[in-house]
Structure formats: C-alpha cells, structure tokens
C-alpha cells in the first residue's frame, strides 16, 4: 500500500501535472490557527493530509508529510529512473 493519494485521483505523485503535495500546503495555509501563513505550521490531531499518521500535518520543518510522498515515489520498483513525477497508480477501496 502506497500512502499519499491526497487529491483522491488514485495516483500518488510528488511533482508533475497533478501532484498530491499541494494538498498538504493548502490545508496548512488555510488552517484557522495559522493566521500568519507559516509554511512550517503544524496541524495537530487527525487530518486526512497526515500522510505518516503521526497526529501532525506538516508541509515543511522537522517531520513534513511531503517527505513520505517523495520517498514512496522514489522507492517504487517501477520508478527505476528516480523521477519525482513518477505516478504510482493505487486502487481505492470500494464501499459495498
């Protein structure tokens, strides 16, 4: 299972045409507690953009969630050229 499909398009992508990373940036900058618009602001608690599931959503700083998306893309066995724009196609669970 590859984490990081934040924009719900069934693709994990760090950079390129429709990356998932801007979703983290958007939620961090638009959080009501981040009135100074710090990129390093941390949202505490459950958030769908908390990729590493540590209870903190971070765009930059000490433990950003963006790093896990990059690591997943670079570590994927199909990405033998190490493109940051490589797309990991994931299956979304269906509700029956």
PDB file of N, CA and C in Angstrom:
ATOM      1  N   UNK A   1       0.843  -1.163   0.000  1.00  0.00           N
ATOM      2  CA  UNK A   1       0.000   0.000   0.000  1.00  0.00           C
ATOM      3  C   UNK A   1       0.898   1.239   0.000  1.00  0.00           C
ATOM      4  N   UNK A   2       0.626   2.157  -0.908  1.00  0.00           N
ATOM      5  CA  UNK A   2       1.423   3.360  -1.051  1.00  0.00           C
ATOM      6  C   UNK A   2       0.622   4.565  -0.556  1.00  0.00           C
ATOM      7  N   UNK A   3       1.106   5.209   0.477  1.00  0.00           N
ATOM      8  CA  UNK A   3       0.380   6.360   1.030  1.00  0.00           C
ATOM      9  C   UNK A   3       0.698   7.627   0.247  1.00  0.00           C
ATOM     10  N   UNK A   4      -0.249   8.564   0.276  1.00  0.00           N
ATOM     11  CA  UNK A   4      -0.014   9.861  -0.325  1.00  0.00           C
ATOM     12  C   UNK A   4      -1.020  10.269  -1.378  1.00  0.00           C
ATOM     13  N   UNK A   5      -2.055   9.476  -1.608  1.00  0.00           N
ATOM     14  CA  UNK A   5      -3.080   9.837  -2.591  1.00  0.00           C
ATOM     15  C   UNK A   5      -4.037  10.850  -1.964  1.00  0.00           C
ATOM     16  N   UNK A   6      -3.579  12.069  -1.822  1.00  0.00           N
ATOM     17  CA  UNK A   6      -4.331  13.082  -1.087  1.00  0.00           C
ATOM     18  C   UNK A   6      -5.411  13.771  -1.909  1.00  0.00           C
ATOM     19  N   UNK A   7      -5.231  13.855  -3.217  1.00  0.00           N
ATOM     20  CA  UNK A   7      -6.233  14.536  -4.029  1.00  0.00           C
ATOM     21  C   UNK A   7      -7.255  13.560  -4.621  1.00  0.00           C
ATOM     22  N   UNK A   8      -7.230  12.324  -4.158  1.00  0.00           N
ATOM     23  CA  UNK A   8      -8.243  11.307  -4.471  1.00  0.00           C
ATOM     24  C   UNK A   8      -8.381  11.025  -5.969  1.00  0.00           C
ATOM     25  N   UNK A   9      -7.243  10.997  -6.681  1.00  0.00           N
ATOM     26  CA  UNK A   9      -7.266  10.676  -8.107  1.00  0.00           C
ATOM     27  C   UNK A   9      -6.711   9.285  -8.390  1.00  0.00           C
ATOM     28  N   UNK A  10      -6.497   8.497  -7.338  1.00  0.00           N
ATOM     29  CA  UNK A  10      -5.960   7.134  -7.430  1.00  0.00           C
ATOM     30  C   UNK A  10      -4.514   7.100  -7.918  1.00  0.00           C
ATOM     31  N   UNK A  11      -3.806   8.214  -7.757  1.00  0.00           N
ATOM     32  CA  UNK A  11      -2.396   8.299  -8.156  1.00  0.00           C
ATOM     33  C   UNK A  11      -1.618   9.011  -7.049  1.00  0.00           C
ATOM     34  N   UNK A  12      -0.488   8.417  -6.655  1.00  0.00           N
ATOM     35  CA  UNK A  12       0.431   9.085  -5.725  1.00  0.00           C
ATOM     36  C   UNK A  12       1.514   9.720  -6.587  1.00  0.00           C
ATOM     37  N   UNK A  13       1.653  11.044  -6.487  1.00  0.00           N
ATOM     38  CA  UNK A  13       2.617  11.765  -7.309  1.00  0.00           C
ATOM     39  C   UNK A  13       3.184  12.929  -6.506  1.00  0.00           C
ATOM     40  N   UNK A  14       4.513  13.033  -6.465  1.00  0.00           N
ATOM     41  CA  UNK A  14       5.168  14.102  -5.710  1.00  0.00           C
ATOM     42  C   UNK A  14       5.201  15.410  -6.505  1.00  0.00           C
ATOM     43  N   UNK A  15       5.546  15.323  -7.778  1.00  0.00           N
ATOM     44  CA  UNK A  15       5.587  16.511  -8.638  1.00  0.00           C
ATOM     45  C   UNK A  15       5.024  16.125 -10.003  1.00  0.00           C
ATOM     46  N   UNK A  16       4.799  17.109 -10.838  1.00  0.00           N
ATOM     47  CA  UNK A  16       4.265  16.815 -12.169  1.00  0.00           C
ATOM     48  C   UNK A  16       2.946  17.510 -12.411  1.00  0.00           C
ATOM     49  N   UNK A  17       2.088  16.884 -13.200  1.00  0.00           N
ATOM     50  CA  UNK A  17       0.856  17.519 -13.651  1.00  0.00           C
ATOM     51  C   UNK A  17      -0.216  17.645 -12.579  1.00  0.00           C
ATOM     52  N   UNK A  18      -0.329  16.674 -11.691  1.00  0.00           N
ATOM     53  CA  UNK A  18      -1.370  16.711 -10.652  1.00  0.00           C
ATOM     54  C   UNK A  18      -0.830  16.105  -9.351  1.00  0.00           C
ATOM     55  N   UNK A  19       0.167  16.746  -8.747  1.00  0.00           N
ATOM     56  CA  UNK A  19       0.805  16.173  -7.551  1.00  0.00           C
ATOM     57  C   UNK A  19      -0.084  16.254  -6.313  1.00  0.00           C
ATOM     58  N   UNK A  20       0.246  15.425  -5.325  1.00  0.00           N
ATOM     59  CA  UNK A  20      -0.504  15.387  -4.068  1.00  0.00           C
ATOM     60  C   UNK A  20       0.015  16.383  -3.035  1.00  0.00           C
ATOM     61  N   UNK A  21       1.237  16.815  -3.169  1.00  0.00           N
ATOM     62  CA  UNK A  21       1.876  17.697  -2.189  1.00  0.00           C
ATOM     63  C   UNK A  21       1.124  19.022  -1.978  1.00  0.00           C
ATOM     64  N   UNK A  22       0.595  19.674  -3.015  1.00  0.00           N
ATOM     65  CA  UNK A  22      -0.139  20.926  -2.777  1.00  0.00           C
ATOM     66  C   UNK A  22      -1.343  20.781  -1.850  1.00  0.00           C
ATOM     67  N   UNK A  23      -1.883  19.578  -1.725  1.00  0.00           N
ATOM     68  CA  UNK A  23      -2.999  19.371  -0.791  1.00  0.00           C
ATOM     69  C   UNK A  23      -2.558  19.639   0.639  1.00  0.00           C
ATOM     70  N   UNK A  24      -1.341  19.221   0.966  1.00  0.00           N
ATOM     71  CA  UNK A  24      -0.804  19.464   2.308  1.00  0.00           C
ATOM     72  C   UNK A  24      -0.578  20.958   2.507  1.00  0.00           C
ATOM     73  N   UNK A  25       0.017  21.603   1.520  1.00  0.00           N
ATOM     74  CA  UNK A  25       0.264  23.038   1.601  1.00  0.00           C
ATOM     75  C   UNK A  25      -1.041  23.796   1.798  1.00  0.00           C
ATOM     76  N   UNK A  26      -2.053  23.445   1.050  1.00  0.00           N
ATOM     77  CA  UNK A  26      -3.334  24.132   1.136  1.00  0.00           C
ATOM     78  C   UNK A  26      -3.967  24.006   2.517  1.00  0.00           C
ATOM     79  N   UNK A  27      -3.983  22.800   3.063  1.00  0.00           N
ATOM     80  CA  UNK A  27      -4.621  22.604   4.367  1.00  0.00           C
ATOM     81  C   UNK A  27      -3.839  23.310   5.476  1.00  0.00           C
ATOM     82  N   UNK A  28      -2.509  23.354   5.354  1.00  0.00           N
ATOM     83  CA  UNK A  28      -1.677  24.033   6.360  1.00  0.00           C
ATOM     84  C   UNK A  28      -1.889  25.549   6.289  1.00  0.00           C
ATOM     85  N   UNK A  29      -1.851  26.108   5.087  1.00  0.00           N
ATOM     86  CA  UNK A  29      -2.006  27.563   4.947  1.00  0.00           C
ATOM     87  C   UNK A  29      -3.418  28.038   5.277  1.00  0.00           C
ATOM     88  N   UNK A  30      -4.409  27.176   5.084  1.00  0.00           N
ATOM     89  CA  UNK A  30      -5.794  27.577   5.322  1.00  0.00           C
ATOM     90  C   UNK A  30      -6.323  27.204   6.701  1.00  0.00           C
ATOM     91  N   UNK A  31      -5.475  26.610   7.546  1.00  0.00           N
ATOM     92  CA  UNK A  31      -5.916  26.287   8.897  1.00  0.00           C
ATOM     93  C   UNK A  31      -6.176  27.582   9.666  1.00  0.00           C
ATOM     94  N   UNK A  32      -7.266  27.614  10.399  1.00  0.00           N
ATOM     95  CA  UNK A  32      -7.648  28.842  11.109  1.00  0.00           C
ATOM     96  C   UNK A  32      -6.613  29.285  12.138  1.00  0.00           C
ATOM     97  N   UNK A  33      -5.838  28.364  12.675  1.00  0.00           N
ATOM     98  CA  UNK A  33      -4.809  28.722  13.653  1.00  0.00           C
ATOM     99  C   UNK A  33      -3.548  29.289  13.029  1.00  0.00           C
ATOM    100  N   UNK A  34      -3.392  29.130  11.729  1.00  0.00           N
ATOM    101  CA  UNK A  34      -2.194  29.603  11.034  1.00  0.00           C
ATOM    102  C   UNK A  34      -2.453  30.971  10.417  1.00  0.00           C
ATOM    103  N   UNK A  35      -2.785  31.945  11.249  1.00  0.00           N
ATOM    104  CA  UNK A  35      -3.140  33.277  10.768  1.00  0.00           C
ATOM    105  C   UNK A  35      -1.952  34.042  10.189  1.00  0.00           C
ATOM    106  N   UNK A  36      -0.703  33.592  10.442  1.00  0.00           N
ATOM    107  CA  UNK A  36       0.476  34.238   9.862  1.00  0.00           C
ATOM    108  C   UNK A  36       0.972  33.507   8.608  1.00  0.00           C
ATOM    109  N   UNK A  37       0.255  32.461   8.208  1.00  0.00           N
ATOM    110  CA  UNK A  37       0.581  31.689   6.999  1.00  0.00           C
ATOM    111  C   UNK A  37       2.003  31.132   6.981  1.00  0.00           C
ATOM    112  N   UNK A  38       2.415  30.547   8.101  1.00  0.00           N
ATOM    113  CA  UNK A  38       3.720  29.900   8.168  1.00  0.00           C
ATOM    114  C   UNK A  38       3.668  28.567   7.430  1.00  0.00           C
ATOM    115  N   UNK A  39       4.649  28.315   6.560  1.00  0.00           N
ATOM    116  CA  UNK A  39       4.743  27.020   5.888  1.00  0.00           C
ATOM    117  C   UNK A  39       5.082  25.906   6.872  1.00  0.00           C
ATOM    118  N   UNK A  40       5.725  26.261   7.979  1.00  0.00           N
ATOM    119  CA  UNK A  40       6.139  25.284   8.985  1.00  0.00           C
ATOM    120  C   UNK A  40       5.073  25.037  10.053  1.00  0.00           C
ATOM    121  N   UNK A  41       3.901  25.626   9.897  1.00  0.00           N
ATOM    122  CA  UNK A  41       2.813  25.444  10.863  1.00  0.00           C
ATOM    123  C   UNK A  41       2.434  23.966  10.946  1.00  0.00           C
ATOM    124  N   UNK A  42       2.102  23.515  12.146  1.00  0.00           N
ATOM    125  CA  UNK A  42       1.730  22.120  12.384  1.00  0.00           C
ATOM    126  C   UNK A  42       0.264  22.055  12.798  1.00  0.00           C
ATOM    127  N   UNK A  43      -0.492  21.235  12.088  1.00  0.00           N
ATOM    128  CA  UNK A  43      -1.878  20.968  12.473  1.00  0.00           C
ATOM    129  C   UNK A  43      -1.856  19.707  13.327  1.00  0.00           C
ATOM    130  N   UNK A  44      -2.283  19.823  14.573  1.00  0.00           N
ATOM    131  CA  UNK A  44      -2.295  18.682  15.483  1.00  0.00           C
ATOM    132  C   UNK A  44      -3.631  17.961  15.416  1.00  0.00           C
ATOM    133  N   UNK A  45      -3.584  16.650  15.546  1.00  0.00           N
ATOM    134  CA  UNK A  45      -4.793  15.847  15.531  1.00  0.00           C
ATOM    135  C   UNK A  45      -5.005  15.165  14.194  1.00  0.00           C
ATOM    136  N   UNK A  46      -6.108  14.432  14.100  1.00  0.00           N
ATOM    137  CA  UNK A  46      -6.394  13.697  12.875  1.00  0.00           C
ATOM    138  C   UNK A  46      -6.669  14.655  11.726  1.00  0.00           C
ATOM    139  N   UNK A  47      -6.051  14.348  10.587  1.00  0.00           N
ATOM    140  CA  UNK A  47      -6.261  15.114   9.372  1.00  0.00           C
ATOM    141  C   UNK A  47      -5.984  14.170   8.209  1.00  0.00           C
ATOM    142  N   UNK A  48      -6.798  14.206   7.193  1.00  0.00           N
ATOM    143  CA  UNK A  48      -6.627  13.318   6.035  1.00  0.00           C
ATOM    144  C   UNK A  48      -5.301  13.560   5.309  1.00  0.00           C
ATOM    145  N   UNK A  49      -4.663  14.703   5.540  1.00  0.00           N
ATOM    146  CA  UNK A  49      -3.385  15.016   4.908  1.00  0.00           C
ATOM    147  C   UNK A  49      -2.184  14.615   5.761  1.00  0.00           C
ATOM    148  N   UNK A  50      -2.421  13.957   6.875  1.00  0.00           N
ATOM    149  CA  UNK A  50      -1.349  13.455   7.737  1.00  0.00           C
ATOM    150  C   UNK A  50      -0.865  12.121   7.167  1.00  0.00           C
ATOM    151  N   UNK A  51       0.029  12.200   6.196  1.00  0.00           N
ATOM    152  CA  UNK A  51       0.458  11.032   5.429  1.00  0.00           C
ATOM    153  C   UNK A  51       1.162   9.993   6.299  1.00  0.00           C
ATOM    154  N   UNK A  52       2.010  10.429   7.224  1.00  0.00           N
ATOM    155  CA  UNK A  52       2.749   9.469   8.051  1.00  0.00           C
ATOM    156  C   UNK A  52       2.006   9.086   9.328  1.00  0.00           C
ATOM    157  N   UNK A  53       0.799   9.598   9.511  1.00  0.00           N
ATOM    158  CA  UNK A  53      -0.093   9.233  10.609  1.00  0.00           C
ATOM    159  C   UNK A  53       0.531   9.405  11.998  1.00  0.00           C
ATOM    160  N   UNK A  54       1.253  10.516  12.194  1.00  0.00           N
ATOM    161  CA  UNK A  54       1.854  10.798  13.495  1.00  0.00           C
ATOM    162  C   UNK A  54       1.024  11.794  14.303  1.00  0.00           C
ATOM    163  N   UNK A  55      -0.160  12.158  13.820  1.00  0.00           N
ATOM    164  CA  UNK A  55      -1.015  13.093  14.528  1.00  0.00           C
ATOM    165  C   UNK A  55      -0.675  14.548  14.268  1.00  0.00           C
ATOM    166  N   UNK A  56       0.235  14.786  13.293  1.00  0.00           N
ATOM    167  CA  UNK A  56       0.631  16.149  12.934  1.00  0.00           C
ATOM    168  C   UNK A  56       0.665  16.260  11.414  1.00  0.00           C
ATOM    169  N   UNK A  57       0.077  17.312  10.899  1.00  0.00           N
ATOM    170  CA  UNK A  57       0.154  17.570   9.457  1.00  0.00           C
ATOM    171  C   UNK A  57       1.123  18.720   9.261  1.00  0.00           C
ATOM    172  N   UNK A  58       2.216  18.451   8.534  1.00  0.00           N
ATOM    173  CA  UNK A  58       3.264  19.449   8.312  1.00  0.00           C
ATOM    174  C   UNK A  58       3.623  19.503   6.836  1.00  0.00           C
ATOM    175  N   UNK A  59       3.787  20.704   6.321  1.00  0.00           N
ATOM    176  CA  UNK A  59       4.262  20.877   4.951  1.00  0.00           C
ATOM    177  C   UNK A  59       5.791  20.930   4.926  1.00  0.00           C
ATOM    178  N   UNK A  60       6.374  21.685   5.858  1.00  0.00           N
ATOM    179  CA  UNK A  60       7.832  21.781   5.990  1.00  0.00           C
ATOM    180  C   UNK A  60       8.192  21.646   7.461  1.00  0.00           C
ATOM    181  N   UNK A  61       9.443  21.704   7.788  1.00  0.00           N
ATOM    182  CA  UNK A  61      10.003  21.705   9.133  1.00  0.00           C
ATOM    183  C   UNK A  61      10.599  20.340   9.465  1.00  0.00           C
ATOM    184  N   UNK A  62      10.510  19.907  10.696  1.00  0.00           N
ATOM    185  CA  UNK A  62      11.261  18.735  11.156  1.00  0.00           C
ATOM    186  C   UNK A  62      10.732  17.394  10.659  1.00  0.00           C
ATOM    187  N   UNK A  63       9.433  17.221  10.541  1.00  0.00           N
ATOM    188  CA  UNK A  63       8.850  15.946  10.116  1.00  0.00           C
ATOM    189  C   UNK A  63       7.718  16.175   9.118  1.00  0.00           C
ATOM    190  N   UNK A  64       8.029  16.709   7.940  1.00  0.00           N
ATOM    191  CA  UNK A  64       6.959  17.022   6.992  1.00  0.00           C
ATOM    192  C   UNK A  64       6.338  15.772   6.370  1.00  0.00           C
ATOM    193  N   UNK A  65       5.076  15.855   6.070  1.00  0.00           N
ATOM    194  CA  UNK A  65       4.379  14.746   5.420  1.00  0.00           C
ATOM    195  C   UNK A  65       4.750  14.645   3.943  1.00  0.00           C
ATOM    196  N   UNK A  66       5.249  15.715   3.380  1.00  0.00           N
ATOM    197  CA  UNK A  66       5.645  15.717   1.981  1.00  0.00           C
ATOM    198  C   UNK A  66       6.790  14.739   1.717  1.00  0.00           C
ATOM    199  N   UNK A  67       7.664  14.562   2.682  1.00  0.00           N
ATOM    200  CA  UNK A  67       8.820  13.680   2.527  1.00  0.00           C
ATOM    201  C   UNK A  67       8.405  12.243   2.277  1.00  0.00           C
ATOM    202  N   UNK A  68       7.365  11.786   2.949  1.00  0.00           N
ATOM    203  CA  UNK A  68       6.917  10.401   2.774  1.00  0.00           C
ATOM    204  C   UNK A  68       6.392  10.183   1.356  1.00  0.00           C
ATOM    205  N   UNK A  69       5.719  11.163   0.801  1.00  0.00           N
ATOM    206  CA  UNK A  69       5.250  11.033  -0.577  1.00  0.00           C
ATOM    207  C   UNK A  69       6.447  10.916  -1.515  1.00  0.00           C
ATOM    208  N   UNK A  70       7.445  11.770  -1.323  1.00  0.00           N
ATOM    209  CA  UNK A  70       8.657  11.713  -2.147  1.00  0.00           C
ATOM    210  C   UNK A  70       9.352  10.362  -1.995  1.00  0.00           C
ATOM    211  N   UNK A  71       9.505   9.889  -0.778  1.00  0.00           N
ATOM    212  CA  UNK A  71      10.161   8.602  -0.548  1.00  0.00           C
ATOM    213  C   UNK A  71       9.402   7.462  -1.214  1.00  0.00           C
ATOM    214  N   UNK A  72       8.077   7.476  -1.135  1.00  0.00           N
ATOM    215  CA  UNK A  72       7.280   6.432  -1.770  1.00  0.00           C
ATOM    216  C   UNK A  72       7.459   6.428  -3.285  1.00  0.00           C
ATOM    217  N   UNK A  73       7.436   7.616  -3.879  1.00  0.00           N
ATOM    218  CA  UNK A  73       7.600   7.725  -5.328  1.00  0.00           C
ATOM    219  C   UNK A  73       8.991   7.251  -5.753  1.00  0.00           C
ATOM    220  N   UNK A  74      10.019   7.681  -5.040  1.00  0.00           N
ATOM    221  CA  UNK A  74      11.384   7.289  -5.408  1.00  0.00           C
ATOM    222  C   UNK A  74      11.675   5.814  -5.130  1.00  0.00           C
ATOM    223  N   UNK A  75      11.003   5.238  -4.129  1.00  0.00           N
ATOM    224  CA  UNK A  75      11.250   3.837  -3.766  1.00  0.00           C
ATOM    225  C   UNK A  75      10.421   2.846  -4.578  1.00  0.00           C
ATOM    226  N   UNK A  76       9.475   3.324  -5.345  1.00  0.00           N
ATOM    227  CA  UNK A  76       8.611   2.411  -6.096  1.00  0.00           C
ATOM    228  C   UNK A  76       9.453   1.611  -7.097  1.00  0.00           C
ATOM    229  N   UNK A  77       9.265   0.289  -7.136  1.00  0.00           N
ATOM    230  CA  UNK A  77      10.084  -0.544  -8.017  1.00  0.00           C
ATOM    231  C   UNK A  77       9.945  -0.204  -9.507  1.00  0.00           C
ATOM    232  N   UNK A  78       8.842   0.383  -9.909  1.00  0.00           N
ATOM    233  CA  UNK A  78       8.675   0.764 -11.308  1.00  0.00           C
ATOM    234  C   UNK A  78       9.385   2.050 -11.680  1.00  0.00           C
ATOM    235  N   UNK A  79       9.829   2.805 -10.688  1.00  0.00           N
ATOM    236  CA  UNK A  79      10.478   4.095 -10.924  1.00  0.00           C
ATOM    237  C   UNK A  79      11.997   3.929 -10.931  1.00  0.00           C
ATOM    238  N   UNK A  80      12.494   3.150 -11.867  1.00  0.00           N
ATOM    239  CA  UNK A  80      13.922   2.851 -11.896  1.00  0.00           C
ATOM    240  C   UNK A  80      14.775   4.034 -12.343  1.00  0.00           C
ATOM    241  N   UNK A  81      14.161   5.087 -12.884  1.00  0.00           N
ATOM    242  CA  UNK A  81      14.899   6.294 -13.260  1.00  0.00           C
ATOM    243  C   UNK A  81      14.818   7.384 -12.194  1.00  0.00           C
ATOM    244  N   UNK A  82      14.124   7.095 -11.089  1.00  0.00           N
ATOM    245  CA  UNK A  82      14.004   8.019  -9.951  1.00  0.00           C
ATOM    246  C   UNK A  82      13.413   9.374 -10.318  1.00  0.00           C
ATOM    247  N   UNK A  83      12.346   9.367 -11.119  1.00  0.00           N
ATOM    248  CA  UNK A  83      11.649  10.602 -11.439  1.00  0.00           C
ATOM    249  C   UNK A  83      10.759  10.992 -10.263  1.00  0.00           C
ATOM    250  N   UNK A  84      10.806  12.262  -9.849  1.00  0.00           N
ATOM    251  CA  UNK A  84       9.901  12.730  -8.789  1.00  0.00           C
ATOM    252  C   UNK A  84       8.476  12.862  -9.306  1.00  0.00           C
ATOM    253  N   UNK A  85       8.301  12.896 -10.614  1.00  0.00           N
ATOM    254  CA  UNK A  85       6.976  12.990 -11.220  1.00  0.00           C
ATOM    255  C   UNK A  85       6.372  11.617 -11.537  1.00  0.00           C
ATOM    256  N   UNK A  86       7.054  10.557 -11.134  1.00  0.00           N
ATOM    257  CA  UNK A  86       6.543   9.203 -11.378  1.00  0.00           C
ATOM    258  C   UNK A  86       5.179   9.049 -10.709  1.00  0.00           C
ATOM    259  N   UNK A  87       4.281   8.344 -11.365  1.00  0.00           N
ATOM    260  CA  UNK A  87       2.933   8.157 -10.846  1.00  0.00           C
ATOM    261  C   UNK A  87       2.746   6.727 -10.348  1.00  0.00           C
ATOM    262  N   UNK A  88       2.379   6.608  -9.078  1.00  0.00           N
ATOM    263  CA  UNK A  88       2.028   5.310  -8.503  1.00  0.00           C
ATOM    264  C   UNK A  88       0.511   5.193  -8.585  1.00  0.00           C
ATOM    265  N   UNK A  89       0.035   4.269  -9.374  1.00  0.00           N
ATOM    266  CA  UNK A  89      -1.407   4.062  -9.509  1.00  0.00           C
ATOM    267  C   UNK A  89      -1.879   3.153  -8.384  1.00  0.00           C
ATOM    268  N   UNK A  90      -2.813   3.646  -7.604  1.00  0.00           N
ATOM    269  CA  UNK A  90      -3.323   2.904  -6.446  1.00  0.00           C
ATOM    270  C   UNK A  90      -4.796   2.597  -6.645  1.00  0.00           C
ATOM    271  N   UNK A  91      -5.248   1.588  -5.975  1.00  0.00           N
ATOM    272  CA  UNK A  91      -6.664   1.234  -6.024  1.00  0.00           C
ATOM    273  C   UNK A  91      -7.356   1.801  -4.823  1.00  0.00           C
ATOM    274  N   UNK A  92      -8.465   2.439  -5.040  1.00  0.00           N
ATOM    275  CA  UNK A  92      -9.266   2.985  -3.946  1.00  0.00           C
ATOM    276  C   UNK A  92     -10.231   1.909  -3.466  1.00  0.00           C
ATOM    277  N   UNK A  93     -10.311   1.667  -2.146  1.00  0.00           N
ATOM    278  CA  UNK A  93     -11.267   0.658  -1.654  1.00  0.00           C
ATOM    279  C   UNK A  93     -12.695   1.071  -2.004  1.00  0.00           C
ATOM    280  N   UNK A  94     -13.455   0.100  -2.386  1.00  0.00           N
ATOM    281  CA  UNK A  94     -14.851   0.356  -2.726  1.00  0.00           C
ATOM    282  C   UNK A  94     -15.757   0.018  -1.549  1.00  0.00           C
ATOM    283  N   UNK A  95     -16.812   0.779  -1.416  1.00  0.00           N
ATOM    284  CA  UNK A  95     -17.796   0.527  -0.376  1.00  0.00           C
ATOM    285  C   UNK A  95     -18.951  -0.256  -0.985  1.00  0.00           C
ATOM    286  N   UNK A  96     -19.280  -1.353  -0.362  1.00  0.00           N
ATOM    287  CA  UNK A  96     -20.378  -2.182  -0.867  1.00  0.00           C
ATOM    288  C   UNK A  96     -21.548  -2.174   0.065  1.00  0.00           C
TER     289      UNK A  96
END
